[in-house]
């Protein structure tokens, strides 16, 4: 009986150590890709207790956010909302999800914080007037994105290929 109880406790502990990722719009064409990429990045980064919601937005982020295609926000470093521009192609989705997941990692590690329209990263304050490409937290995210894509090129391409094949199969089934 004690062994069974210990096993249940261990199982609950293990189940609790995985990030929960929710895609809020199931009609987006690349929902499975986004979910798979986010989970793959979460494992790579060791993000195991965060709850992440990915939402799609029709706003053209590029016009309003210094060339960004997504934003990530949190209020408690446990729940994160990634707002993603909904008209991105597969390759851009791949880069943006990896990039934003790194920002989630920065929040979880308490390296990055947003308060009163300012971003704080490792003791440095950034405002909207700060040059986007010179912000250290963005430089770190771009570096991680580049390194991750390079290190996992085969896996990422396979993931995209498998999901495209599944999508083609679903389209073919719908046609029949």
C-alpha atoms as a PDB file:
ATOM      1  CA  UNK A   1       0.000   0.000   0.000  1.00  0.00           C
ATOM      2  CA  UNK A   2       2.833   2.411   0.862  1.00  0.00           C
ATOM      3  CA  UNK A   3       4.476   1.629  -2.466  1.00  0.00           C
ATOM      4  CA  UNK A   4       1.281   2.411  -4.364  1.00  0.00           C
ATOM      5  CA  UNK A   5       0.855   5.682  -2.431  1.00  0.00           C
ATOM      6  CA  UNK A   6       4.493   6.652  -3.160  1.00  0.00           C
ATOM      7  CA  UNK A   7       3.994   5.823  -6.839  1.00  0.00           C
ATOM      8  CA  UNK A   8       0.872   7.999  -7.006  1.00  0.00           C
ATOM      9  CA  UNK A   9       2.684  10.904  -5.330  1.00  0.00           C
ATOM     10  CA  UNK A  10       5.619  10.507  -7.741  1.00  0.00           C
ATOM     11  CA  UNK A  11       3.259  10.362 -10.724  1.00  0.00           C
ATOM     12  CA  UNK A  12       1.448  13.519  -9.600  1.00  0.00           C
ATOM     13  CA  UNK A  13       4.798  15.249  -9.138  1.00  0.00           C
ATOM     14  CA  UNK A  14       5.995  14.228 -12.618  1.00  0.00           C
ATOM     15  CA  UNK A  15       2.713  15.222 -14.258  1.00  0.00           C
ATOM     16  CA  UNK A  16       2.919  18.611 -12.597  1.00  0.00           C
ATOM     17  CA  UNK A  17       6.362  19.332 -14.032  1.00  0.00           C
ATOM     18  CA  UNK A  18       5.198  19.889 -17.582  1.00  0.00           C
ATOM     19  CA  UNK A  19       4.249  23.207 -19.049  1.00  0.00           C
ATOM     20  CA  UNK A  20       0.672  23.524 -20.144  1.00  0.00           C
ATOM     21  CA  UNK A  21       0.412  25.059 -23.592  1.00  0.00           C
ATOM     22  CA  UNK A  22      -2.962  26.132 -24.942  1.00  0.00           C
ATOM     23  CA  UNK A  23      -3.635  27.371 -28.459  1.00  0.00           C
ATOM     24  CA  UNK A  24      -6.671  29.626 -28.183  1.00  0.00           C
ATOM     25  CA  UNK A  25      -7.709  29.568 -31.852  1.00  0.00           C
ATOM     26  CA  UNK A  26      -8.106  26.097 -33.323  1.00  0.00           C
ATOM     27  CA  UNK A  27      -9.027  27.418 -36.760  1.00  0.00           C
ATOM     28  CA  UNK A  28      -5.531  28.708 -37.516  1.00  0.00           C
ATOM     29  CA  UNK A  29      -3.898  26.694 -40.298  1.00  0.00           C
ATOM     30  CA  UNK A  30      -0.704  26.027 -38.351  1.00  0.00           C
ATOM     31  CA  UNK A  31      -2.086  25.254 -34.884  1.00  0.00           C
ATOM     32  CA  UNK A  32      -0.372  21.844 -34.672  1.00  0.00           C
ATOM     33  CA  UNK A  33       2.955  23.302 -35.774  1.00  0.00           C
ATOM     34  CA  UNK A  34       2.758  26.099 -33.206  1.00  0.00           C
ATOM     35  CA  UNK A  35       1.816  23.668 -30.434  1.00  0.00           C
ATOM     36  CA  UNK A  36       4.614  21.235 -31.354  1.00  0.00           C
ATOM     37  CA  UNK A  37       7.224  23.990 -31.607  1.00  0.00           C
ATOM     38  CA  UNK A  38       6.217  25.568 -28.308  1.00  0.00           C
ATOM     39  CA  UNK A  39       6.385  22.200 -26.515  1.00  0.00           C
ATOM     40  CA  UNK A  40       9.736  21.360 -28.128  1.00  0.00           C
ATOM     41  CA  UNK A  41      11.191  24.720 -27.036  1.00  0.00           C
ATOM     42  CA  UNK A  42       9.729  24.379 -23.527  1.00  0.00           C
ATOM     43  CA  UNK A  43      11.508  21.028 -23.136  1.00  0.00           C
ATOM     44  CA  UNK A  44      14.762  22.415 -24.513  1.00  0.00           C
ATOM     45  CA  UNK A  45      14.655  25.438 -22.208  1.00  0.00           C
ATOM     46  CA  UNK A  46      13.576  23.475 -19.156  1.00  0.00           C
ATOM     47  CA  UNK A  47      10.361  25.470 -18.801  1.00  0.00           C
ATOM     48  CA  UNK A  48       8.369  22.955 -16.849  1.00  0.00           C
ATOM     49  CA  UNK A  49       5.943  24.813 -14.615  1.00  0.00           C
ATOM     50  CA  UNK A  50       4.646  27.624 -16.819  1.00  0.00           C
ATOM     51  CA  UNK A  51       1.189  27.824 -18.345  1.00  0.00           C
ATOM     52  CA  UNK A  52       1.382  29.323 -21.813  1.00  0.00           C
ATOM     53  CA  UNK A  53      -1.526  30.498 -23.930  1.00  0.00           C
ATOM     54  CA  UNK A  54      -0.898  31.347 -27.561  1.00  0.00           C
ATOM     55  CA  UNK A  55      -3.477  33.680 -29.119  1.00  0.00           C
ATOM     56  CA  UNK A  56      -3.797  34.934 -32.658  1.00  0.00           C
ATOM     57  CA  UNK A  57      -4.261  38.581 -33.469  1.00  0.00           C
ATOM     58  CA  UNK A  58      -5.278  40.161 -36.751  1.00  0.00           C
ATOM     59  CA  UNK A  59      -3.292  43.303 -35.932  1.00  0.00           C
ATOM     60  CA  UNK A  60      -0.326  43.866 -38.209  1.00  0.00           C
ATOM     61  CA  UNK A  61       2.273  43.811 -35.433  1.00  0.00           C
ATOM     62  CA  UNK A  62       5.012  44.888 -37.823  1.00  0.00           C
ATOM     63  CA  UNK A  63       3.423  48.340 -38.140  1.00  0.00           C
ATOM     64  CA  UNK A  64       3.020  48.891 -34.406  1.00  0.00           C
ATOM     65  CA  UNK A  65       5.716  46.913 -32.573  1.00  0.00           C
ATOM     66  CA  UNK A  66       9.115  47.823 -34.003  1.00  0.00           C
ATOM     67  CA  UNK A  67       9.135  44.979 -36.507  1.00  0.00           C
ATOM     68  CA  UNK A  68       7.877  42.341 -34.081  1.00  0.00           C
ATOM     69  CA  UNK A  69       5.359  39.687 -35.062  1.00  0.00           C
ATOM     70  CA  UNK A  70       4.363  38.688 -31.535  1.00  0.00           C
ATOM     71  CA  UNK A  71       4.385  39.783 -27.924  1.00  0.00           C
ATOM     72  CA  UNK A  72       4.565  37.863 -24.664  1.00  0.00           C
ATOM     73  CA  UNK A  73       3.034  39.114 -21.432  1.00  0.00           C
ATOM     74  CA  UNK A  74       2.783  37.840 -17.871  1.00  0.00           C
ATOM     75  CA  UNK A  75       1.572  39.169 -14.578  1.00  0.00           C
ATOM     76  CA  UNK A  76       2.880  36.477 -12.256  1.00  0.00           C
ATOM     77  CA  UNK A  77       5.685  34.588 -14.087  1.00  0.00           C
ATOM     78  CA  UNK A  78       3.460  31.489 -14.130  1.00  0.00           C
ATOM     79  CA  UNK A  79       0.850  32.317 -16.752  1.00  0.00           C
ATOM     80  CA  UNK A  80       2.145  33.657 -20.069  1.00  0.00           C
ATOM     81  CA  UNK A  81       0.172  34.903 -23.050  1.00  0.00           C
ATOM     82  CA  UNK A  82       1.867  35.011 -26.428  1.00  0.00           C
ATOM     83  CA  UNK A  83      -0.049  37.142 -28.921  1.00  0.00           C
ATOM     84  CA  UNK A  84       0.915  36.025 -32.399  1.00  0.00           C
ATOM     85  CA  UNK A  85       0.176  37.778 -35.671  1.00  0.00           C
ATOM     86  CA  UNK A  86      -2.142  35.372 -37.492  1.00  0.00           C
ATOM     87  CA  UNK A  87      -0.958  35.762 -41.082  1.00  0.00           C
ATOM     88  CA  UNK A  88       2.609  34.450 -40.761  1.00  0.00           C
ATOM     89  CA  UNK A  89       4.057  31.754 -42.983  1.00  0.00           C
ATOM     90  CA  UNK A  90       5.510  28.516 -41.637  1.00  0.00           C
ATOM     91  CA  UNK A  91       9.156  29.644 -41.540  1.00  0.00           C
ATOM     92  CA  UNK A  92       8.311  32.908 -39.792  1.00  0.00           C
ATOM     93  CA  UNK A  93       6.053  31.075 -37.312  1.00  0.00           C
ATOM     94  CA  UNK A  94       8.971  28.793 -36.520  1.00  0.00           C
ATOM     95  CA  UNK A  95      11.314  31.705 -35.763  1.00  0.00           C
ATOM     96  CA  UNK A  96       8.719  33.722 -33.842  1.00  0.00           C
ATOM     97  CA  UNK A  97       7.606  30.852 -31.577  1.00  0.00           C
ATOM     98  CA  UNK A  98      11.215  29.937 -30.725  1.00  0.00           C
ATOM     99  CA  UNK A  99      11.986  33.617 -30.041  1.00  0.00           C
ATOM    100  CA  UNK A 100       8.919  34.183 -27.836  1.00  0.00           C
ATOM    101  CA  UNK A 101       9.467  30.937 -25.932  1.00  0.00           C
ATOM    102  CA  UNK A 102      12.923  32.236 -25.055  1.00  0.00           C
ATOM    103  CA  UNK A 103      11.290  35.359 -23.632  1.00  0.00           C
ATOM    104  CA  UNK A 104       9.046  33.088 -21.528  1.00  0.00           C
ATOM    105  CA  UNK A 105      12.248  31.431 -20.288  1.00  0.00           C
ATOM    106  CA  UNK A 106      13.692  34.863 -19.415  1.00  0.00           C
ATOM    107  CA  UNK A 107      10.550  35.702 -17.430  1.00  0.00           C
ATOM    108  CA  UNK A 108      10.568  32.337 -15.622  1.00  0.00           C
ATOM    109  CA  UNK A 109      14.222  32.817 -14.655  1.00  0.00           C
ATOM    110  CA  UNK A 110      13.310  36.332 -13.449  1.00  0.00           C
ATOM    111  CA  UNK A 111      15.808  37.909 -15.831  1.00  0.00           C
ATOM    112  CA  UNK A 112      13.052  39.835 -17.614  1.00  0.00           C
ATOM    113  CA  UNK A 113      10.163  41.865 -16.167  1.00  0.00           C
ATOM    114  CA  UNK A 114       7.666  44.386 -17.521  1.00  0.00           C
ATOM    115  CA  UNK A 115       6.299  47.139 -15.275  1.00  0.00           C
ATOM    116  CA  UNK A 116       4.823  50.541 -16.008  1.00  0.00           C
ATOM    117  CA  UNK A 117       5.649  50.548 -19.719  1.00  0.00           C
ATOM    118  CA  UNK A 118       9.287  49.651 -19.004  1.00  0.00           C
ATOM    119  CA  UNK A 119      11.149  46.411 -19.545  1.00  0.00           C
ATOM    120  CA  UNK A 120      13.753  45.397 -16.990  1.00  0.00           C
ATOM    121  CA  UNK A 121      16.427  42.926 -18.007  1.00  0.00           C
ATOM    122  CA  UNK A 122      19.243  41.955 -15.658  1.00  0.00           C
ATOM    123  CA  UNK A 123      19.287  45.367 -13.985  1.00  0.00           C
ATOM    124  CA  UNK A 124      18.916  47.456 -17.154  1.00  0.00           C
ATOM    125  CA  UNK A 125      15.755  49.451 -17.904  1.00  0.00           C
ATOM    126  CA  UNK A 126      14.423  49.701 -21.451  1.00  0.00           C
ATOM    127  CA  UNK A 127      11.597  51.964 -22.634  1.00  0.00           C
ATOM    128  CA  UNK A 128       9.668  52.101 -25.902  1.00  0.00           C
ATOM    129  CA  UNK A 129      12.266  54.615 -27.066  1.00  0.00           C
ATOM    130  CA  UNK A 130      15.080  52.040 -26.700  1.00  0.00           C
ATOM    131  CA  UNK A 131      16.344  50.706 -30.028  1.00  0.00           C
ATOM    132  CA  UNK A 132      14.660  47.291 -30.411  1.00  0.00           C
ATOM    133  CA  UNK A 133      17.678  45.578 -31.957  1.00  0.00           C
ATOM    134  CA  UNK A 134      20.039  46.869 -29.252  1.00  0.00           C
ATOM    135  CA  UNK A 135      17.997  45.598 -26.308  1.00  0.00           C
ATOM    136  CA  UNK A 136      20.044  42.883 -24.580  1.00  0.00           C
ATOM    137  CA  UNK A 137      17.039  40.640 -23.958  1.00  0.00           C
ATOM    138  CA  UNK A 138      16.181  40.757 -27.677  1.00  0.00           C
ATOM    139  CA  UNK A 139      19.793  40.072 -28.657  1.00  0.00           C
ATOM    140  CA  UNK A 140      19.754  37.010 -26.362  1.00  0.00           C
ATOM    141  CA  UNK A 141      16.429  35.836 -27.863  1.00  0.00           C
ATOM    142  CA  UNK A 142      17.690  36.250 -31.439  1.00  0.00           C
ATOM    143  CA  UNK A 143      20.870  34.340 -30.550  1.00  0.00           C
ATOM    144  CA  UNK A 144      18.901  31.500 -28.961  1.00  0.00           C
ATOM    145  CA  UNK A 145      16.558  31.363 -31.970  1.00  0.00           C
ATOM    146  CA  UNK A 146      19.506  31.134 -34.368  1.00  0.00           C
ATOM    147  CA  UNK A 147      21.364  28.545 -32.272  1.00  0.00           C
ATOM    148  CA  UNK A 148      18.218  26.461 -31.672  1.00  0.00           C
ATOM    149  CA  UNK A 149      17.336  26.382 -35.387  1.00  0.00           C
ATOM    150  CA  UNK A 150      20.899  25.404 -36.250  1.00  0.00           C
ATOM    151  CA  UNK A 151      21.135  22.676 -33.574  1.00  0.00           C
ATOM    152  CA  UNK A 152      17.674  21.233 -34.311  1.00  0.00           C
ATOM    153  CA  UNK A 153      17.462  21.825 -38.061  1.00  0.00           C
ATOM    154  CA  UNK A 154      16.713  18.190 -38.935  1.00  0.00           C
ATOM    155  CA  UNK A 155      14.066  17.802 -36.225  1.00  0.00           C
ATOM    156  CA  UNK A 156      12.369  21.097 -37.090  1.00  0.00           C
ATOM    157  CA  UNK A 157      12.270  20.308 -40.803  1.00  0.00           C
ATOM    158  CA  UNK A 158      10.896  16.829 -40.062  1.00  0.00           C
ATOM    159  CA  UNK A 159       8.245  18.315 -37.781  1.00  0.00           C
ATOM    160  CA  UNK A 160       7.154  20.750 -40.481  1.00  0.00           C
ATOM    161  CA  UNK A 161       7.173  18.033 -43.156  1.00  0.00           C
ATOM    162  CA  UNK A 162       5.093  15.641 -41.020  1.00  0.00           C
ATOM    163  CA  UNK A 163       2.572  18.326 -40.153  1.00  0.00           C
ATOM    164  CA  UNK A 164       2.285  19.431 -43.797  1.00  0.00           C
ATOM    165  CA  UNK A 165       1.654  15.792 -44.778  1.00  0.00           C
ATOM    166  CA  UNK A 166      -1.025  15.476 -42.059  1.00  0.00           C
ATOM    167  CA  UNK A 167      -2.623  18.686 -43.311  1.00  0.00           C
ATOM    168  CA  UNK A 168      -2.610  17.393 -46.901  1.00  0.00           C
ATOM    169  CA  UNK A 169      -4.153  14.123 -45.726  1.00  0.00           C
ATOM    170  CA  UNK A 170      -6.894  16.006 -43.833  1.00  0.00           C
ATOM    171  CA  UNK A 171      -7.589  18.116 -46.935  1.00  0.00           C
ATOM    172  CA  UNK A 172      -7.779  14.973 -49.059  1.00  0.00           C
ATOM    173  CA  UNK A 173     -10.167  13.337 -46.562  1.00  0.00           C
ATOM    174  CA  UNK A 174     -12.351  16.456 -46.603  1.00  0.00           C
ATOM    175  CA  UNK A 175     -12.415  16.311 -50.408  1.00  0.00           C
ATOM    176  CA  UNK A 176     -13.610  12.685 -50.360  1.00  0.00           C
END
